[in-house]
Amino acid sequence: MLDRFSVYAVLPSQDLDRARAWYRDHLGMEPETEDPGGLWYRCAGDTWFVVTRSAFAGTAQNTAAGFHVEHIEEAMSDLRDRGVVFEEYDLPDFKTVDGLFTFGGSKAAWFKDCDGNIIEVAEVG
């Protein structure tokens, strides 16, 4: 039933002012709207993410949100120029090289926002 509706990601933050500055400075994004739920960022199409106040920010150890990008190496370079630091993983069957994981024709990379939320950028091949 829910497959008929759009979905959005919710990213917790302990400090919304700090988060607003981080997303502006590192991702070049400004919230389209603010309400008691938090800072709402519009992305491509009818997709959104909201940064909301929570004492539990950064405690999840999984990917919290993901962006499909084109030309991931260029996107990573642009993000690095803005101060984004990509995570490095070295696990059995899962290793990044200079922050980039390649699997088949697809590629992905992960970084943490100012609250430790894990965000993915991916190019699907």
PDB file of N, CA and C in Angstrom:
ATOM      1  N   MET A   1       0.799  -1.193   0.000  1.00  0.00           N
ATOM      2  CA  MET A   1       0.000   0.000   0.000  1.00  0.00           C
ATOM      3  C   MET A   1       0.852   1.271   0.000  1.00  0.00           C
ATOM      4  N   LEU A   2       1.902   1.322   0.836  1.00  0.00           N
ATOM      5  CA  LEU A   2       2.705   2.534   0.912  1.00  0.00           C
ATOM      6  C   LEU A   2       3.548   2.782  -0.325  1.00  0.00           C
ATOM      7  N   ASP A   3       3.664   1.796  -1.207  1.00  0.00           N
ATOM      8  CA  ASP A   3       4.462   1.976  -2.419  1.00  0.00           C
ATOM      9  C   ASP A   3       3.878   3.029  -3.354  1.00  0.00           C
ATOM     10  N   ARG A   4       2.717   3.535  -3.083  1.00  0.00           N
ATOM     11  CA  ARG A   4       2.084   4.573  -3.908  1.00  0.00           C
ATOM     12  C   ARG A   4       2.497   5.979  -3.485  1.00  0.00           C
ATOM     13  N   PHE A   5       3.249   6.086  -2.415  1.00  0.00           N
ATOM     14  CA  PHE A   5       3.550   7.393  -1.847  1.00  0.00           C
ATOM     15  C   PHE A   5       5.052   7.670  -1.838  1.00  0.00           C
ATOM     16  N   SER A   6       5.406   8.959  -1.866  1.00  0.00           N
ATOM     17  CA  SER A   6       6.818   9.315  -1.765  1.00  0.00           C
ATOM     18  C   SER A   6       7.300   9.063  -0.348  1.00  0.00           C
ATOM     19  N   VAL A   7       8.614   9.007  -0.200  1.00  0.00           N
ATOM     20  CA  VAL A   7       9.224   8.743   1.094  1.00  0.00           C
ATOM     21  C   VAL A   7      10.282   9.810   1.357  1.00  0.00           C
ATOM     22  N   TYR A   8      10.585  10.047   2.618  1.00  0.00           N
ATOM     23  CA  TYR A   8      11.634  10.992   2.971  1.00  0.00           C
ATOM     24  C   TYR A   8      12.477  10.405   4.091  1.00  0.00           C
ATOM     25  N   ALA A   9      13.691  10.898   4.212  1.00  0.00           N
ATOM     26  CA  ALA A   9      14.604  10.450   5.267  1.00  0.00           C
ATOM     27  C   ALA A   9      14.531  11.424   6.437  1.00  0.00           C
ATOM     28  N   VAL A  10      14.740  10.899   7.641  1.00  0.00           N
ATOM     29  CA  VAL A  10      14.769  11.716   8.853  1.00  0.00           C
ATOM     30  C   VAL A  10      16.155  11.559   9.477  1.00  0.00           C
ATOM     31  N   LEU A  11      16.869  12.673   9.592  1.00  0.00           N
ATOM     32  CA  LEU A  11      18.213  12.666  10.155  1.00  0.00           C
ATOM     33  C   LEU A  11      18.204  13.433  11.473  1.00  0.00           C
ATOM     34  N   PRO A  12      18.578  12.784  12.555  1.00  0.00           N
ATOM     35  CA  PRO A  12      18.554  13.454  13.858  1.00  0.00           C
ATOM     36  C   PRO A  12      19.758  14.383  14.050  1.00  0.00           C
ATOM     37  N   SER A  13      19.535  15.433  14.827  1.00  0.00           N
ATOM     38  CA  SER A  13      20.605  16.370  15.153  1.00  0.00           C
ATOM     39  C   SER A  13      20.431  16.851  16.589  1.00  0.00           C
ATOM     40  N   GLN A  14      21.542  17.029  17.271  1.00  0.00           N
ATOM     41  CA  GLN A  14      21.483  17.590  18.623  1.00  0.00           C
ATOM     42  C   GLN A  14      21.412  19.112  18.595  1.00  0.00           C
ATOM     43  N   ASP A  15      21.774  19.719  17.463  1.00  0.00           N
ATOM     44  CA  ASP A  15      21.829  21.177  17.374  1.00  0.00           C
ATOM     45  C   ASP A  15      21.441  21.581  15.953  1.00  0.00           C
ATOM     46  N   LEU A  16      20.220  22.078  15.776  1.00  0.00           N
ATOM     47  CA  LEU A  16      19.737  22.411  14.431  1.00  0.00           C
ATOM     48  C   LEU A  16      20.500  23.571  13.800  1.00  0.00           C
ATOM     49  N   ASP A  17      20.944  24.533  14.586  1.00  0.00           N
ATOM     50  CA  ASP A  17      21.724  25.642  14.017  1.00  0.00           C
ATOM     51  C   ASP A  17      23.050  25.123  13.457  1.00  0.00           C
ATOM     52  N   ARG A  18      23.711  24.250  14.202  1.00  0.00           N
ATOM     53  CA  ARG A  18      24.962  23.648  13.726  1.00  0.00           C
ATOM     54  C   ARG A  18      24.706  22.820  12.470  1.00  0.00           C
ATOM     55  N   ALA A  19      23.624  22.046  12.470  1.00  0.00           N
ATOM     56  CA  ALA A  19      23.290  21.219  11.314  1.00  0.00           C
ATOM     57  C   ALA A  19      23.001  22.087  10.090  1.00  0.00           C
ATOM     58  N   ARG A  20      22.239  23.162  10.275  1.00  0.00           N
ATOM     59  CA  ARG A  20      21.934  24.065   9.155  1.00  0.00           C
ATOM     60  C   ARG A  20      23.224  24.595   8.531  1.00  0.00           C
ATOM     61  N   ALA A  21      24.156  25.021   9.362  1.00  0.00           N
ATOM     62  CA  ALA A  21      25.433  25.536   8.857  1.00  0.00           C
ATOM     63  C   ALA A  21      26.221  24.438   8.158  1.00  0.00           C
ATOM     64  N   TRP A  22      26.241  23.225   8.721  1.00  0.00           N
ATOM     65  CA  TRP A  22      26.997  22.126   8.118  1.00  0.00           C
ATOM     66  C   TRP A  22      26.433  21.759   6.749  1.00  0.00           C
ATOM     67  N   TYR A  23      25.133  21.621   6.640  1.00  0.00           N
ATOM     68  CA  TYR A  23      24.530  21.260   5.352  1.00  0.00           C
ATOM     69  C   TYR A  23      24.711  22.381   4.328  1.00  0.00           C
ATOM     70  N   ARG A  24      24.690  23.624   4.765  1.00  0.00           N
ATOM     71  CA  ARG A  24      24.951  24.748   3.863  1.00  0.00           C
ATOM     72  C   ARG A  24      26.402  24.738   3.395  1.00  0.00           C
ATOM     73  N   ASP A  25      27.326  24.648   4.339  1.00  0.00           N
ATOM     74  CA  ASP A  25      28.741  24.775   4.011  1.00  0.00           C
ATOM     75  C   ASP A  25      29.307  23.540   3.315  1.00  0.00           C
ATOM     76  N   HIS A  26      28.864  22.347   3.706  1.00  0.00           N
ATOM     77  CA  HIS A  26      29.440  21.113   3.170  1.00  0.00           C
ATOM     78  C   HIS A  26      28.679  20.529   1.988  1.00  0.00           C
ATOM     79  N   LEU A  27      27.367  20.710   1.951  1.00  0.00           N
ATOM     80  CA  LEU A  27      26.570  20.133   0.861  1.00  0.00           C
ATOM     81  C   LEU A  27      25.946  21.193  -0.031  1.00  0.00           C
ATOM     82  N   GLY A  28      26.083  22.449   0.329  1.00  0.00           N
ATOM     83  CA  GLY A  28      25.527  23.523  -0.483  1.00  0.00           C
ATOM     84  C   GLY A  28      24.011  23.545  -0.473  1.00  0.00           C
ATOM     85  N   MET A  29      23.408  23.132   0.642  1.00  0.00           N
ATOM     86  CA  MET A  29      21.956  23.021   0.716  1.00  0.00           C
ATOM     87  C   MET A  29      21.396  23.929   1.807  1.00  0.00           C
ATOM     88  N   GLU A  30      20.249  24.522   1.518  1.00  0.00           N
ATOM     89  CA  GLU A  30      19.508  25.322   2.488  1.00  0.00           C
ATOM     90  C   GLU A  30      18.144  24.665   2.695  1.00  0.00           C
ATOM     91  N   PRO A  31      17.615  24.699   3.911  1.00  0.00           N
ATOM     92  CA  PRO A  31      16.279  24.138   4.103  1.00  0.00           C
ATOM     93  C   PRO A  31      15.248  24.949   3.325  1.00  0.00           C
ATOM     94  N   GLU A  32      14.324  24.238   2.704  1.00  0.00           N
ATOM     95  CA  GLU A  32      13.250  24.937   1.992  1.00  0.00           C
ATOM     96  C   GLU A  32      12.226  25.472   2.985  1.00  0.00           C
ATOM     97  N   THR A  33      12.060  24.745   4.072  1.00  0.00           N
ATOM     98  CA  THR A  33      11.105  25.174   5.074  1.00  0.00           C
ATOM     99  C   THR A  33      11.559  24.675   6.441  1.00  0.00           C
ATOM    100  N   GLU A  34      11.031  25.340   7.472  1.00  0.00           N
ATOM    101  CA  GLU A  34      11.279  24.927   8.853  1.00  0.00           C
ATOM    102  C   GLU A  34       9.951  24.857   9.558  1.00  0.00           C
ATOM    103  N   ASP A  35       9.816  23.872  10.440  1.00  0.00           N
ATOM    104  CA  ASP A  35       8.630  23.770  11.271  1.00  0.00           C
ATOM    105  C   ASP A  35       9.036  23.105  12.583  1.00  0.00           C
ATOM    106  N   PRO A  36       8.122  22.870  13.480  1.00  0.00           N
ATOM    107  CA  PRO A  36       8.513  22.230  14.740  1.00  0.00           C
ATOM    108  C   PRO A  36       9.173  20.862  14.543  1.00  0.00           C
ATOM    109  N   GLY A  37       8.960  20.228  13.376  1.00  0.00           N
ATOM    110  CA  GLY A  37       9.601  18.951  13.084  1.00  0.00           C
ATOM    111  C   GLY A  37      11.056  19.077  12.714  1.00  0.00           C
ATOM    112  N   GLY A  38      11.491  20.249  12.270  1.00  0.00           N
ATOM    113  CA  GLY A  38      12.891  20.440  11.932  1.00  0.00           C
ATOM    114  C   GLY A  38      13.108  21.216  10.654  1.00  0.00           C
ATOM    115  N   LEU A  39      14.259  20.959  10.041  1.00  0.00           N
ATOM    116  CA  LEU A  39      14.697  21.625   8.812  1.00  0.00           C
ATOM    117  C   LEU A  39      14.403  20.698   7.640  1.00  0.00           C
ATOM    118  N   TRP A  40      13.589  21.132   6.691  1.00  0.00           N
ATOM    119  CA  TRP A  40      13.179  20.307   5.556  1.00  0.00           C
ATOM    120  C   TRP A  40      13.953  20.713   4.308  1.00  0.00           C
ATOM    121  N   TYR A  41      14.654  19.741   3.728  1.00  0.00           N
ATOM    122  CA  TYR A  41      15.469  19.962   2.532  1.00  0.00           C
ATOM    123  C   TYR A  41      14.832  19.229   1.361  1.00  0.00           C
ATOM    124  N   ARG A  42      14.547  19.966   0.292  1.00  0.00           N
ATOM    125  CA  ARG A  42      13.998  19.364  -0.920  1.00  0.00           C
ATOM    126  C   ARG A  42      15.146  18.905  -1.803  1.00  0.00           C
ATOM    127  N   CYS A  43      14.989  17.710  -2.342  1.00  0.00           N
ATOM    128  CA  CYS A  43      15.972  17.149  -3.264  1.00  0.00           C
ATOM    129  C   CYS A  43      15.283  16.935  -4.613  1.00  0.00           C
ATOM    130  N   ALA A  44      15.865  16.160  -5.490  1.00  0.00           N
ATOM    131  CA  ALA A  44      15.308  15.947  -6.826  1.00  0.00           C
ATOM    132  C   ALA A  44      13.915  15.339  -6.741  1.00  0.00           C
ATOM    133  N   GLY A  45      13.092  15.700  -7.731  1.00  0.00           N
ATOM    134  CA  GLY A  45      11.754  15.145  -7.781  1.00  0.00           C
ATOM    135  C   GLY A  45      10.978  15.506  -6.528  1.00  0.00           C
ATOM    136  N   ASP A  46      10.225  14.578  -6.029  1.00  0.00           N
ATOM    137  CA  ASP A  46       9.431  14.806  -4.829  1.00  0.00           C
ATOM    138  C   ASP A  46      10.078  14.114  -3.644  1.00  0.00           C
ATOM    139  N   THR A  47      11.400  14.306  -3.484  1.00  0.00           N
ATOM    140  CA  THR A  47      12.107  13.682  -2.376  1.00  0.00           C
ATOM    141  C   THR A  47      12.589  14.756  -1.410  1.00  0.00           C
ATOM    142  N   TRP A  48      12.667  14.366  -0.148  1.00  0.00           N
ATOM    143  CA  TRP A  48      13.015  15.279   0.922  1.00  0.00           C
ATOM    144  C   TRP A  48      13.856  14.567   1.956  1.00  0.00           C
ATOM    145  N   PHE A  49      14.556  15.334   2.758  1.00  0.00           N
ATOM    146  CA  PHE A  49      15.013  14.830   4.043  1.00  0.00           C
ATOM    147  C   PHE A  49      14.783  15.932   5.065  1.00  0.00           C
ATOM    148  N   VAL A  50      14.553  15.517   6.285  1.00  0.00           N
ATOM    149  CA  VAL A  50      14.331  16.454   7.370  1.00  0.00           C
ATOM    150  C   VAL A  50      15.390  16.209   8.432  1.00  0.00           C
ATOM    151  N   VAL A  51      15.970  17.289   8.922  1.00  0.00           N
ATOM    152  CA  VAL A  51      16.892  17.215  10.043  1.00  0.00           C
ATOM    153  C   VAL A  51      16.093  17.648  11.261  1.00  0.00           C
ATOM    154  N   THR A  52      15.960  16.737  12.206  1.00  0.00           N
ATOM    155  CA  THR A  52      15.106  16.967  13.364  1.00  0.00           C
ATOM    156  C   THR A  52      15.894  16.846  14.664  1.00  0.00           C
ATOM    157  N   ARG A  53      15.479  17.573  15.662  1.00  0.00           N
ATOM    158  CA  ARG A  53      16.190  17.585  16.946  1.00  0.00           C
ATOM    159  C   ARG A  53      16.008  16.245  17.666  1.00  0.00           C
ATOM    160  N   SER A  54      17.114  15.681  18.122  1.00  0.00           N
ATOM    161  CA  SER A  54      17.073  14.423  18.857  1.00  0.00           C
ATOM    162  C   SER A  54      18.335  14.263  19.692  1.00  0.00           C
ATOM    163  N   ALA A  55      18.169  13.789  20.901  1.00  0.00           N
ATOM    164  CA  ALA A  55      19.321  13.498  21.763  1.00  0.00           C
ATOM    165  C   ALA A  55      20.065  12.256  21.299  1.00  0.00           C
ATOM    166  N   PHE A  56      19.481  11.489  20.382  1.00  0.00           N
ATOM    167  CA  PHE A  56      20.085  10.239  19.919  1.00  0.00           C
ATOM    168  C   PHE A  56      20.819  10.390  18.586  1.00  0.00           C
ATOM    169  N   ALA A  57      21.068  11.600  18.165  1.00  0.00           N
ATOM    170  CA  ALA A  57      21.738  11.858  16.891  1.00  0.00           C
ATOM    171  C   ALA A  57      23.083  11.148  16.836  1.00  0.00           C
ATOM    172  N   GLY A  58      23.356  10.524  15.705  1.00  0.00           N
ATOM    173  CA  GLY A  58      24.652   9.908  15.460  1.00  0.00           C
ATOM    174  C   GLY A  58      24.860   8.563  16.108  1.00  0.00           C
ATOM    175  N   THR A  59      23.839   7.996  16.733  1.00  0.00           N
ATOM    176  CA  THR A  59      24.023   6.713  17.399  1.00  0.00           C
ATOM    177  C   THR A  59      23.813   5.528  16.466  1.00  0.00           C
ATOM    178  N   ALA A  60      23.127   5.729  15.350  1.00  0.00           N
ATOM    179  CA  ALA A  60      22.925   4.637  14.390  1.00  0.00           C
ATOM    180  C   ALA A  60      24.228   4.379  13.638  1.00  0.00           C
ATOM    181  N   GLN A  61      24.535   3.140  13.388  1.00  0.00           N
ATOM    182  CA  GLN A  61      25.771   2.778  12.685  1.00  0.00           C
ATOM    183  C   GLN A  61      25.477   2.275  11.276  1.00  0.00           C
ATOM    184  N   ASN A  62      24.358   2.695  10.720  1.00  0.00           N
ATOM    185  CA  ASN A  62      23.954   2.289   9.379  1.00  0.00           C
ATOM    186  C   ASN A  62      23.761   3.527   8.510  1.00  0.00           C
ATOM    187  N   THR A  63      23.623   3.309   7.239  1.00  0.00           N
ATOM    188  CA  THR A  63      23.340   4.408   6.321  1.00  0.00           C
ATOM    189  C   THR A  63      21.962   4.964   6.644  1.00  0.00           C
ATOM    190  N   ALA A  64      21.892   6.264   6.889  1.00  0.00           N
ATOM    191  CA  ALA A  64      20.633   6.910   7.248  1.00  0.00           C
ATOM    192  C   ALA A  64      19.924   7.503   6.042  1.00  0.00           C
ATOM    193  N   ALA A  65      20.684   7.908   5.033  1.00  0.00           N
ATOM    194  CA  ALA A  65      20.115   8.503   3.824  1.00  0.00           C
ATOM    195  C   ALA A  65      21.088   8.279   2.684  1.00  0.00           C
ATOM    196  N   GLY A  66      20.563   8.224   1.475  1.00  0.00           N
ATOM    197  CA  GLY A  66      21.415   8.028   0.313  1.00  0.00           C
ATOM    198  C   GLY A  66      20.990   8.913  -0.840  1.00  0.00           C
ATOM    199  N   PHE A  67      21.964   9.367  -1.599  1.00  0.00           N
ATOM    200  CA  PHE A  67      21.730  10.179  -2.786  1.00  0.00           C
ATOM    201  C   PHE A  67      22.218   9.412  -4.006  1.00  0.00           C
ATOM    202  N   HIS A  68      21.367   9.285  -5.026  1.00  0.00           N
ATOM    203  CA  HIS A  68      21.825   8.761  -6.311  1.00  0.00           C
ATOM    204  C   HIS A  68      22.476   9.916  -7.052  1.00  0.00           C
ATOM    205  N   VAL A  69      23.703   9.732  -7.486  1.00  0.00           N
ATOM    206  CA  VAL A  69      24.437  10.789  -8.185  1.00  0.00           C
ATOM    207  C   VAL A  69      24.933  10.265  -9.521  1.00  0.00           C
ATOM    208  N   GLU A  70      25.271  11.168 -10.398  1.00  0.00           N
ATOM    209  CA  GLU A  70      25.957  10.837 -11.643  1.00  0.00           C
ATOM    210  C   GLU A  70      27.413  11.241 -11.467  1.00  0.00           C
ATOM    211  N   HIS A  71      28.296  10.510 -12.107  1.00  0.00           N
ATOM    212  CA  HIS A  71      29.729  10.832 -12.051  1.00  0.00           C
ATOM    213  C   HIS A  71      30.195  10.960 -10.597  1.00  0.00           C
ATOM    214  N   ILE A  72      30.152   9.862  -9.896  1.00  0.00           N
ATOM    215  CA  ILE A  72      30.401   9.870  -8.446  1.00  0.00           C
ATOM    216  C   ILE A  72      31.781  10.423  -8.086  1.00  0.00           C
ATOM    217  N   GLU A  73      32.785  10.141  -8.902  1.00  0.00           N
ATOM    218  CA  GLU A  73      34.113  10.667  -8.580  1.00  0.00           C
ATOM    219  C   GLU A  73      34.113  12.184  -8.577  1.00  0.00           C
ATOM    220  N   GLU A  74      33.397  12.803  -9.525  1.00  0.00           N
ATOM    221  CA  GLU A  74      33.296  14.261  -9.558  1.00  0.00           C
ATOM    222  C   GLU A  74      32.512  14.774  -8.352  1.00  0.00           C
ATOM    223  N   ALA A  75      31.426  14.084  -8.019  1.00  0.00           N
ATOM    224  CA  ALA A  75      30.629  14.479  -6.855  1.00  0.00           C
ATOM    225  C   ALA A  75      31.479  14.400  -5.588  1.00  0.00           C
ATOM    226  N   MET A  76      32.258  13.327  -5.455  1.00  0.00           N
ATOM    227  CA  MET A  76      33.121  13.183  -4.285  1.00  0.00           C
ATOM    228  C   MET A  76      34.167  14.290  -4.235  1.00  0.00           C
ATOM    229  N   SER A  77      34.735  14.635  -5.369  1.00  0.00           N
ATOM    230  CA  SER A  77      35.731  15.700  -5.419  1.00  0.00           C
ATOM    231  C   SER A  77      35.117  17.030  -4.991  1.00  0.00           C
ATOM    232  N   ASP A  78      33.920  17.322  -5.499  1.00  0.00           N
ATOM    233  CA  ASP A  78      33.232  18.557  -5.118  1.00  0.00           C
ATOM    234  C   ASP A  78      32.937  18.573  -3.621  1.00  0.00           C
ATOM    235  N   LEU A  79      32.478  17.437  -3.095  1.00  0.00           N
ATOM    236  CA  LEU A  79      32.180  17.365  -1.665  1.00  0.00           C
ATOM    237  C   LEU A  79      33.451  17.496  -0.830  1.00  0.00           C
ATOM    238  N   ARG A  80      34.532  16.870  -1.275  1.00  0.00           N
ATOM    239  CA  ARG A  80      35.811  17.013  -0.552  1.00  0.00           C
ATOM    240  C   ARG A  80      36.263  18.464  -0.524  1.00  0.00           C
ATOM    241  N   ASP A  81      36.064  19.172  -1.656  1.00  0.00           N
ATOM    242  CA  ASP A  81      36.423  20.590  -1.702  1.00  0.00           C
ATOM    243  C   ASP A  81      35.639  21.400  -0.679  1.00  0.00           C
ATOM    244  N   ARG A  82      34.477  20.912  -0.278  1.00  0.00           N
ATOM    245  CA  ARG A  82      33.632  21.579   0.708  1.00  0.00           C
ATOM    246  C   ARG A  82      33.916  21.082   2.127  1.00  0.00           C
ATOM    247  N   GLY A  83      34.885  20.162   2.259  1.00  0.00           N
ATOM    248  CA  GLY A  83      35.273  19.696   3.585  1.00  0.00           C
ATOM    249  C   GLY A  83      34.681  18.365   4.015  1.00  0.00           C
ATOM    250  N   VAL A  84      33.957  17.691   3.120  1.00  0.00           N
ATOM    251  CA  VAL A  84      33.395  16.382   3.452  1.00  0.00           C
ATOM    252  C   VAL A  84      34.519  15.350   3.485  1.00  0.00           C
ATOM    253  N   VAL A  85      34.518  14.495   4.495  1.00  0.00           N
ATOM    254  CA  VAL A  85      35.503  13.432   4.650  1.00  0.00           C
ATOM    255  C   VAL A  85      34.788  12.100   4.454  1.00  0.00           C
ATOM    256  N   PHE A  86      35.244  11.314   3.513  1.00  0.00           N
ATOM    257  CA  PHE A  86      34.621  10.029   3.224  1.00  0.00           C
ATOM    258  C   PHE A  86      35.181   8.945   4.130  1.00  0.00           C
ATOM    259  N   GLU A  87      34.301   8.030   4.502  1.00  0.00           N
ATOM    260  CA  GLU A  87      34.654   6.920   5.366  1.00  0.00           C
ATOM    261  C   GLU A  87      35.475   5.894   4.591  1.00  0.00           C
ATOM    262  N   GLU A  88      36.340   5.206   5.287  1.00  0.00           N
ATOM    263  CA  GLU A  88      37.094   4.096   4.708  1.00  0.00           C
ATOM    264  C   GLU A  88      36.677   2.816   5.417  1.00  0.00           C
ATOM    265  N   TYR A  89      36.389   1.795   4.637  1.00  0.00           N
ATOM    266  CA  TYR A  89      35.996   0.494   5.181  1.00  0.00           C
ATOM    267  C   TYR A  89      36.929  -0.564   4.641  1.00  0.00           C
ATOM    268  N   ASP A  90      37.317  -1.496   5.495  1.00  0.00           N
ATOM    269  CA  ASP A  90      38.162  -2.615   5.094  1.00  0.00           C
ATOM    270  C   ASP A  90      37.639  -3.861   5.802  1.00  0.00           C
ATOM    271  N   LEU A  91      36.615  -4.445   5.211  1.00  0.00           N
ATOM    272  CA  LEU A  91      35.953  -5.620   5.755  1.00  0.00           C
ATOM    273  C   LEU A  91      36.039  -6.751   4.730  1.00  0.00           C
ATOM    274  N   PRO A  92      35.832  -7.971   5.145  1.00  0.00           N
ATOM    275  CA  PRO A  92      35.797  -9.055   4.148  1.00  0.00           C
ATOM    276  C   PRO A  92      34.710  -8.759   3.105  1.00  0.00           C
ATOM    277  N   ASP A  93      35.073  -8.810   1.862  1.00  0.00           N
ATOM    278  CA  ASP A  93      34.148  -8.560   0.741  1.00  0.00           C
ATOM    279  C   ASP A  93      33.607  -7.137   0.675  1.00  0.00           C
ATOM    280  N   PHE A  94      34.215  -6.215   1.406  1.00  0.00           N
ATOM    281  CA  PHE A  94      33.732  -4.835   1.388  1.00  0.00           C
ATOM    282  C   PHE A  94      34.888  -3.908   1.738  1.00  0.00           C
ATOM    283  N   LYS A  95      35.518  -3.332   0.716  1.00  0.00           N
ATOM    284  CA  LYS A  95      36.683  -2.472   0.935  1.00  0.00           C
ATOM    285  C   LYS A  95      36.549  -1.236   0.063  1.00  0.00           C
ATOM    286  N   THR A  96      36.745  -0.095   0.666  1.00  0.00           N
ATOM    287  CA  THR A  96      36.780   1.146  -0.093  1.00  0.00           C
ATOM    288  C   THR A  96      38.219   1.467  -0.470  1.00  0.00           C
ATOM    289  N   VAL A  97      38.377   2.151  -1.566  1.00  0.00           N
ATOM    290  CA  VAL A  97      39.675   2.650  -2.003  1.00  0.00           C
ATOM    291  C   VAL A  97      39.500   4.146  -2.201  1.00  0.00           C
ATOM    292  N   ASP A  98      40.222   4.933  -1.415  1.00  0.00           N
ATOM    293  CA  ASP A  98      40.079   6.390  -1.414  1.00  0.00           C
ATOM    294  C   ASP A  98      38.616   6.783  -1.208  1.00  0.00           C
ATOM    295  N   GLY A  99      37.950   6.026  -0.321  1.00  0.00           N
ATOM    296  CA  GLY A  99      36.569   6.316   0.033  1.00  0.00           C
ATOM    297  C   GLY A  99      35.519   5.720  -0.878  1.00  0.00           C
ATOM    298  N   LEU A 100      35.929   5.066  -1.948  1.00  0.00           N
ATOM    299  CA  LEU A 100      34.981   4.579  -2.969  1.00  0.00           C
ATOM    300  C   LEU A 100      34.901   3.059  -2.960  1.00  0.00           C
ATOM    301  N   PHE A 101      33.680   2.547  -2.928  1.00  0.00           N
ATOM    302  CA  PHE A 101      33.418   1.107  -3.013  1.00  0.00           C
ATOM    303  C   PHE A 101      32.833   0.824  -4.389  1.00  0.00           C
ATOM    304  N   THR A 102      33.412  -0.135  -5.096  1.00  0.00           N
ATOM    305  CA  THR A 102      32.939  -0.500  -6.426  1.00  0.00           C
ATOM    306  C   THR A 102      32.404  -1.923  -6.382  1.00  0.00           C
ATOM    307  N   PHE A 103      31.217  -2.127  -6.922  1.00  0.00           N
ATOM    308  CA  PHE A 103      30.618  -3.447  -6.980  1.00  0.00           C
ATOM    309  C   PHE A 103      29.871  -3.563  -8.304  1.00  0.00           C
ATOM    310  N   GLY A 104      30.361  -4.473  -9.154  1.00  0.00           N
ATOM    311  CA  GLY A 104      29.801  -4.565 -10.499  1.00  0.00           C
ATOM    312  C   GLY A 104      29.984  -3.250 -11.215  1.00  0.00           C
ATOM    313  N   GLY A 105      28.926  -2.740 -11.805  1.00  0.00           N
ATOM    314  CA  GLY A 105      28.983  -1.445 -12.475  1.00  0.00           C
ATOM    315  C   GLY A 105      28.585  -0.293 -11.582  1.00  0.00           C
ATOM    316  N   SER A 106      28.363  -0.553 -10.309  1.00  0.00           N
ATOM    317  CA  SER A 106      27.915   0.483  -9.386  1.00  0.00           C
ATOM    318  C   SER A 106      29.047   0.901  -8.447  1.00  0.00           C
ATOM    319  N   LYS A 107      28.904   2.120  -7.900  1.00  0.00           N
ATOM    320  CA  LYS A 107      29.904   2.663  -6.986  1.00  0.00           C
ATOM    321  C   LYS A 107      29.182   3.398  -5.866  1.00  0.00           C
ATOM    322  N   ALA A 108      29.790   3.393  -4.682  1.00  0.00           N
ATOM    323  CA  ALA A 108      29.191   4.094  -3.548  1.00  0.00           C
ATOM    324  C   ALA A 108      30.276   4.608  -2.621  1.00  0.00           C
ATOM    325  N   ALA A 109      29.924   5.635  -1.870  1.00  0.00           N
ATOM    326  CA  ALA A 109      30.815   6.210  -0.863  1.00  0.00           C
ATOM    327  C   ALA A 109      29.946   6.737   0.274  1.00  0.00           C
ATOM    328  N   TRP A 110      30.525   6.798   1.474  1.00  0.00           N
ATOM    329  CA  TRP A 110      29.788   7.211   2.655  1.00  0.00           C
ATOM    330  C   TRP A 110      30.560   8.275   3.411  1.00  0.00           C
ATOM    331  N   PHE A 111      29.818   9.202   4.014  1.00  0.00           N
ATOM    332  CA  PHE A 111      30.403  10.221   4.881  1.00  0.00           C
ATOM    333  C   PHE A 111      29.456  10.470   6.038  1.00  0.00           C
ATOM    334  N   LYS A 112      29.965  11.122   7.067  1.00  0.00           N
ATOM    335  CA  LYS A 112      29.152  11.464   8.229  1.00  0.00           C
ATOM    336  C   LYS A 112      28.899  12.962   8.262  1.00  0.00           C
ATOM    337  N   ASP A 113      27.677  13.316   8.656  1.00  0.00           N
ATOM    338  CA  ASP A 113      27.382  14.733   8.839  1.00  0.00           C
ATOM    339  C   ASP A 113      27.892  15.181  10.208  1.00  0.00           C
ATOM    340  N   CYS A 114      27.578  16.395  10.604  1.00  0.00           N
ATOM    341  CA  CYS A 114      28.101  16.956  11.846  1.00  0.00           C
ATOM    342  C   CYS A 114      27.603  16.240  13.095  1.00  0.00           C
ATOM    343  N   ASP A 115      26.556  15.439  12.962  1.00  0.00           N
ATOM    344  CA  ASP A 115      26.033  14.680  14.100  1.00  0.00           C
ATOM    345  C   ASP A 115      26.400  13.205  14.040  1.00  0.00           C
ATOM    346  N   GLY A 116      27.164  12.805  13.024  1.00  0.00           N
ATOM    347  CA  GLY A 116      27.565  11.410  12.899  1.00  0.00           C
ATOM    348  C   GLY A 116      26.602  10.548  12.113  1.00  0.00           C
ATOM    349  N   ASN A 117      25.568  11.142  11.501  1.00  0.00           N
ATOM    350  CA  ASN A 117      24.673  10.386  10.636  1.00  0.00           C
ATOM    351  C   ASN A 117      25.425   9.969   9.381  1.00  0.00           C
ATOM    352  N   ILE A 118      25.269   8.727   8.975  1.00  0.00           N
ATOM    353  CA  ILE A 118      25.986   8.202   7.804  1.00  0.00           C
ATOM    354  C   ILE A 118      25.143   8.427   6.553  1.00  0.00           C
ATOM    355  N   ILE A 119      25.733   9.117   5.583  1.00  0.00           N
ATOM    356  CA  ILE A 119      25.065   9.454   4.330  1.00  0.00           C
ATOM    357  C   ILE A 119      25.840   8.835   3.185  1.00  0.00           C
ATOM    358  N   GLU A 120      25.117   8.254   2.256  1.00  0.00           N
ATOM    359  CA  GLU A 120      25.710   7.584   1.099  1.00  0.00           C
ATOM    360  C   GLU A 120      25.484   8.398  -0.164  1.00  0.00           C
ATOM    361  N   VAL A 121      26.479   8.409  -1.026  1.00  0.00           N
ATOM    362  CA  VAL A 121      26.300   8.839  -2.408  1.00  0.00           C
ATOM    363  C   VAL A 121      26.584   7.607  -3.260  1.00  0.00           C
ATOM    364  N   ALA A 122      25.749   7.361  -4.255  1.00  0.00           N
ATOM    365  CA  ALA A 122      25.881   6.147  -5.062  1.00  0.00           C
ATOM    366  C   ALA A 122      25.595   6.433  -6.523  1.00  0.00           C
ATOM    367  N   GLU A 123      26.366   5.769  -7.361  1.00  0.00           N
ATOM    368  CA  GLU A 123      26.159   5.789  -8.811  1.00  0.00           C
ATOM    369  C   GLU A 123      25.827   4.363  -9.221  1.00  0.00           C
ATOM    370  N   VAL A 124      24.613   4.187  -9.671  1.00  0.00           N
ATOM    371  CA  VAL A 124      24.141   2.851 -10.019  1.00  0.00           C
ATOM    372  C   VAL A 124      24.476   2.593 -11.486  1.00  0.00           C
ATOM    373  N   GLY A 125      25.203   1.493 -11.715  1.00  0.00           N
ATOM    374  CA  GLY A 125      25.637   1.184 -13.084  1.00  0.00           C
ATOM    375  C   GLY A 125      24.718   0.226 -13.788  1.00  0.00           C
TER     376      GLY A 125
END
